[in-house]
Amino acid sequence: MLSFPESQCRALHALFEALTRQTLTLSYQRMQTWSEFLARVISAEDLRLVVRWLQAQITRGAGGFSRQSLQFGTLLADLDRFEDRLNIARAVRPGRIKQRASAVAPKISAAEETRLRLQRWLAIETLKVELGRP
């Protein structure tokens, strides 16, 4: 029994076919796979991201990736492996580094930067004294 509406499973299957340029019968087993896919809260956007990442790896000639990587059974039969690939695709997604850098290092004035540096140095020196280290 499917745990998600058949229409959602059909929509994901159609997206998979469009992204991979494959035409596959939507068998009961594939419907089950899509239902499990949805149960893990993996979205259509996640599917799109992984397929595009795999296509880029194949185009680059990255080791271990071939057109077979995009076959239904290879890509989706093991959803744990799919999630591993999703995490990698998210990590290397273009623009992520720029967003992360701006979020981590907000612009501060030179005087504020000096004050913070001095404050950290003082905290380290105080800790050294408390621990009895020179």
C-alpha atoms as a PDB file:
ATOM      1  CA  MET A   1       0.000   0.000   0.000  1.00  0.00           C
ATOM      2  CA  LEU A   2       1.288   3.448  -0.907  1.00  0.00           C
ATOM      3  CA  SER A   3       1.750   5.900   1.929  1.00  0.00           C
ATOM      4  CA  PHE A   4       1.515   8.938  -0.382  1.00  0.00           C
ATOM      5  CA  PRO A   5      -1.017   9.886  -3.062  1.00  0.00           C
ATOM      6  CA  GLU A   6      -0.482   8.261  -6.410  1.00  0.00           C
ATOM      7  CA  SER A   7      -0.542  11.697  -8.061  1.00  0.00           C
ATOM      8  CA  GLN A   8       2.595  12.768  -6.154  1.00  0.00           C
ATOM      9  CA  CYS A   9       4.381   9.564  -7.129  1.00  0.00           C
ATOM     10  CA  ARG A  10       3.365  10.054 -10.770  1.00  0.00           C
ATOM     11  CA  ALA A  11       4.603  13.665 -10.716  1.00  0.00           C
ATOM     12  CA  LEU A  12       8.006  12.610  -9.366  1.00  0.00           C
ATOM     13  CA  HIS A  13       8.249   9.856 -11.940  1.00  0.00           C
ATOM     14  CA  ALA A  14       7.460  12.307 -14.740  1.00  0.00           C
ATOM     15  CA  LEU A  15      10.119  14.694 -13.403  1.00  0.00           C
ATOM     16  CA  PHE A  16      12.651  11.848 -13.256  1.00  0.00           C
ATOM     17  CA  GLU A  17      11.868  10.917 -16.865  1.00  0.00           C
ATOM     18  CA  ALA A  18      12.220  14.529 -18.007  1.00  0.00           C
ATOM     19  CA  LEU A  19      15.510  15.088 -16.169  1.00  0.00           C
ATOM     20  CA  THR A  20      17.124  11.852 -17.310  1.00  0.00           C
ATOM     21  CA  ARG A  21      15.484  11.691 -20.761  1.00  0.00           C
ATOM     22  CA  GLN A  22      14.316   8.153 -20.024  1.00  0.00           C
ATOM     23  CA  THR A  23      10.899   6.629 -20.574  1.00  0.00           C
ATOM     24  CA  LEU A  24      10.077   4.030 -17.945  1.00  0.00           C
ATOM     25  CA  THR A  25       6.963   2.087 -17.056  1.00  0.00           C
ATOM     26  CA  LEU A  26       5.572   3.257 -13.742  1.00  0.00           C
ATOM     27  CA  SER A  27       5.307  -0.179 -12.153  1.00  0.00           C
ATOM     28  CA  TYR A  28       3.983  -0.905  -8.695  1.00  0.00           C
ATOM     29  CA  GLN A  29       7.575  -1.360  -7.452  1.00  0.00           C
ATOM     30  CA  ARG A  30       8.561   2.061  -8.775  1.00  0.00           C
ATOM     31  CA  MET A  31       5.449   3.569  -7.167  1.00  0.00           C
ATOM     32  CA  GLN A  32       6.609   2.023  -3.877  1.00  0.00           C
ATOM     33  CA  THR A  33      10.052   3.562  -4.363  1.00  0.00           C
ATOM     34  CA  TRP A  34       8.555   7.006  -4.967  1.00  0.00           C
ATOM     35  CA  SER A  35       6.329   6.590  -1.924  1.00  0.00           C
ATOM     36  CA  GLU A  36       9.385   5.761   0.219  1.00  0.00           C
ATOM     37  CA  PHE A  37      11.179   8.726  -1.372  1.00  0.00           C
ATOM     38  CA  LEU A  38       8.385  11.049  -0.237  1.00  0.00           C
ATOM     39  CA  ALA A  39       8.233   9.423   3.209  1.00  0.00           C
ATOM     40  CA  ARG A  40      11.837  10.492   3.764  1.00  0.00           C
ATOM     41  CA  VAL A  41      10.795  14.080   3.049  1.00  0.00           C
ATOM     42  CA  ILE A  42      12.927  14.252  -0.061  1.00  0.00           C
ATOM     43  CA  SER A  43      11.512  16.792  -2.490  1.00  0.00           C
ATOM     44  CA  ALA A  44      11.292  17.148  -6.235  1.00  0.00           C
ATOM     45  CA  GLU A  45      13.895  19.910  -5.944  1.00  0.00           C
ATOM     46  CA  ASP A  46      16.223  17.455  -4.197  1.00  0.00           C
ATOM     47  CA  LEU A  47      15.750  14.996  -7.065  1.00  0.00           C
ATOM     48  CA  ARG A  48      16.490  17.771  -9.552  1.00  0.00           C
ATOM     49  CA  LEU A  49      19.638  18.778  -7.623  1.00  0.00           C
ATOM     50  CA  VAL A  50      21.043  15.232  -7.472  1.00  0.00           C
ATOM     51  CA  VAL A  51      20.332  14.464 -11.130  1.00  0.00           C
ATOM     52  CA  ARG A  52      21.981  17.723 -12.256  1.00  0.00           C
ATOM     53  CA  TRP A  53      24.961  17.070  -9.977  1.00  0.00           C
ATOM     54  CA  LEU A  54      25.337  13.553 -11.406  1.00  0.00           C
ATOM     55  CA  GLN A  55      25.052  14.870 -14.951  1.00  0.00           C
ATOM     56  CA  ALA A  56      27.837  17.371 -14.194  1.00  0.00           C
ATOM     57  CA  GLN A  57      30.018  14.562 -12.782  1.00  0.00           C
ATOM     58  CA  ILE A  58      29.413  12.449 -15.884  1.00  0.00           C
ATOM     59  CA  THR A  59      30.204  15.375 -18.194  1.00  0.00           C
ATOM     60  CA  ARG A  60      33.422  16.115 -16.288  1.00  0.00           C
ATOM     61  CA  GLY A  61      34.409  12.476 -16.522  1.00  0.00           C
ATOM     62  CA  ALA A  62      34.626  12.159 -12.750  1.00  0.00           C
ATOM     63  CA  GLY A  63      35.631   8.658 -11.703  1.00  0.00           C
ATOM     64  CA  GLY A  64      32.868   6.280 -10.747  1.00  0.00           C
ATOM     65  CA  PHE A  65      30.097   8.097 -12.605  1.00  0.00           C
ATOM     66  CA  SER A  66      28.534   7.062 -15.887  1.00  0.00           C
ATOM     67  CA  ARG A  67      25.144   7.162 -17.593  1.00  0.00           C
ATOM     68  CA  GLN A  68      24.305   4.123 -15.486  1.00  0.00           C
ATOM     69  CA  SER A  69      24.388   6.420 -12.416  1.00  0.00           C
ATOM     70  CA  LEU A  70      21.164   7.970 -13.743  1.00  0.00           C
ATOM     71  CA  GLN A  71      19.286   4.692 -14.157  1.00  0.00           C
ATOM     72  CA  PHE A  72      16.277   4.373 -11.888  1.00  0.00           C
ATOM     73  CA  GLY A  73      17.577   1.257 -10.140  1.00  0.00           C
ATOM     74  CA  THR A  74      21.007   2.739  -9.563  1.00  0.00           C
ATOM     75  CA  LEU A  75      19.860   6.161  -8.417  1.00  0.00           C
ATOM     76  CA  LEU A  76      16.764   5.338  -6.385  1.00  0.00           C
ATOM     77  CA  ALA A  77      16.807   1.672  -5.376  1.00  0.00           C
ATOM     78  CA  ASP A  78      18.988   2.514  -2.353  1.00  0.00           C
ATOM     79  CA  LEU A  79      17.561   5.694  -0.824  1.00  0.00           C
ATOM     80  CA  ASP A  80      20.351   5.877   1.755  1.00  0.00           C
ATOM     81  CA  ARG A  81      22.821   6.205  -1.104  1.00  0.00           C
ATOM     82  CA  PHE A  82      20.572   8.783  -2.754  1.00  0.00           C
ATOM     83  CA  GLU A  83      20.622  10.823   0.472  1.00  0.00           C
ATOM     84  CA  ASP A  84      24.437  10.594   0.549  1.00  0.00           C
ATOM     85  CA  ARG A  85      24.562  11.968  -2.978  1.00  0.00           C
ATOM     86  CA  LEU A  86      22.042  14.654  -2.044  1.00  0.00           C
ATOM     87  CA  ASN A  87      24.251  15.802   0.825  1.00  0.00           C
ATOM     88  CA  ILE A  88      27.262  15.985  -1.487  1.00  0.00           C
ATOM     89  CA  ALA A  89      25.292  17.852  -4.147  1.00  0.00           C
ATOM     90  CA  ARG A  90      24.085  20.347  -1.528  1.00  0.00           C
ATOM     91  CA  ALA A  91      27.608  20.842  -0.205  1.00  0.00           C
ATOM     92  CA  VAL A  92      29.110  21.649  -3.595  1.00  0.00           C
ATOM     93  CA  ARG A  93      26.171  23.652  -4.918  1.00  0.00           C
ATOM     94  CA  PRO A  94      27.412  26.868  -6.604  1.00  0.00           C
ATOM     95  CA  GLY A  95      26.927  30.010  -4.542  1.00  0.00           C
ATOM     96  CA  ARG A  96      26.832  28.143  -1.241  1.00  0.00           C
ATOM     97  CA  ILE A  97      30.351  29.227  -0.266  1.00  0.00           C
ATOM     98  CA  LYS A  98      29.598  32.897  -0.891  1.00  0.00           C
ATOM     99  CA  GLN A  99      26.425  32.717   1.212  1.00  0.00           C
ATOM    100  CA  ARG A 100      28.219  30.921   4.011  1.00  0.00           C
ATOM    101  CA  ALA A 101      31.152  33.357   4.020  1.00  0.00           C
ATOM    102  CA  SER A 102      28.895  36.403   4.248  1.00  0.00           C
ATOM    103  CA  ALA A 103      26.862  34.795   7.025  1.00  0.00           C
ATOM    104  CA  VAL A 104      29.952  33.880   9.064  1.00  0.00           C
ATOM    105  CA  ALA A 105      31.998  37.028   8.614  1.00  0.00           C
ATOM    106  CA  PRO A 106      29.842  40.145   8.808  1.00  0.00           C
ATOM    107  CA  LYS A 107      31.571  43.397   7.938  1.00  0.00           C
ATOM    108  CA  ILE A 108      32.986  45.145  11.016  1.00  0.00           C
ATOM    109  CA  SER A 109      35.153  48.193  11.399  1.00  0.00           C
ATOM    110  CA  ALA A 110      38.921  47.945  11.849  1.00  0.00           C
ATOM    111  CA  ALA A 111      38.618  49.344  15.384  1.00  0.00           C
ATOM    112  CA  GLU A 112      36.016  46.700  16.303  1.00  0.00           C
ATOM    113  CA  GLU A 113      38.176  43.958  14.803  1.00  0.00           C
ATOM    114  CA  THR A 114      41.163  45.145  16.857  1.00  0.00           C
ATOM    115  CA  ARG A 115      39.050  45.273  20.012  1.00  0.00           C
ATOM    116  CA  LEU A 116      37.771  41.725  19.443  1.00  0.00           C
ATOM    117  CA  ARG A 117      41.280  40.423  18.706  1.00  0.00           C
ATOM    118  CA  LEU A 118      42.577  42.014  21.925  1.00  0.00           C
ATOM    119  CA  GLN A 119      39.637  40.599  23.886  1.00  0.00           C
ATOM    120  CA  ARG A 120      40.377  37.066  22.591  1.00  0.00           C
ATOM    121  CA  TRP A 121      44.092  37.412  23.345  1.00  0.00           C
ATOM    122  CA  LEU A 122      43.317  38.608  26.877  1.00  0.00           C
ATOM    123  CA  ALA A 123      40.960  35.654  27.432  1.00  0.00           C
ATOM    124  CA  ILE A 124      43.681  33.214  26.306  1.00  0.00           C
ATOM    125  CA  GLU A 125      46.299  34.845  28.559  1.00  0.00           C
ATOM    126  CA  THR A 126      43.906  34.760  31.541  1.00  0.00           C
ATOM    127  CA  LEU A 127      43.219  31.077  30.908  1.00  0.00           C
ATOM    128  CA  LYS A 128      46.960  30.346  30.747  1.00  0.00           C
ATOM    129  CA  VAL A 129      47.477  32.010  34.140  1.00  0.00           C
ATOM    130  CA  GLU A 130      44.546  30.082  35.652  1.00  0.00           C
ATOM    131  CA  LEU A 131      45.985  26.808  34.347  1.00  0.00           C
ATOM    132  CA  GLY A 132      49.483  27.703  35.584  1.00  0.00           C
ATOM    133  CA  ARG A 133      51.018  27.717  32.130  1.00  0.00           C
ATOM    134  CA  PRO A 134      53.457  30.400  30.941  1.00  0.00           C
END
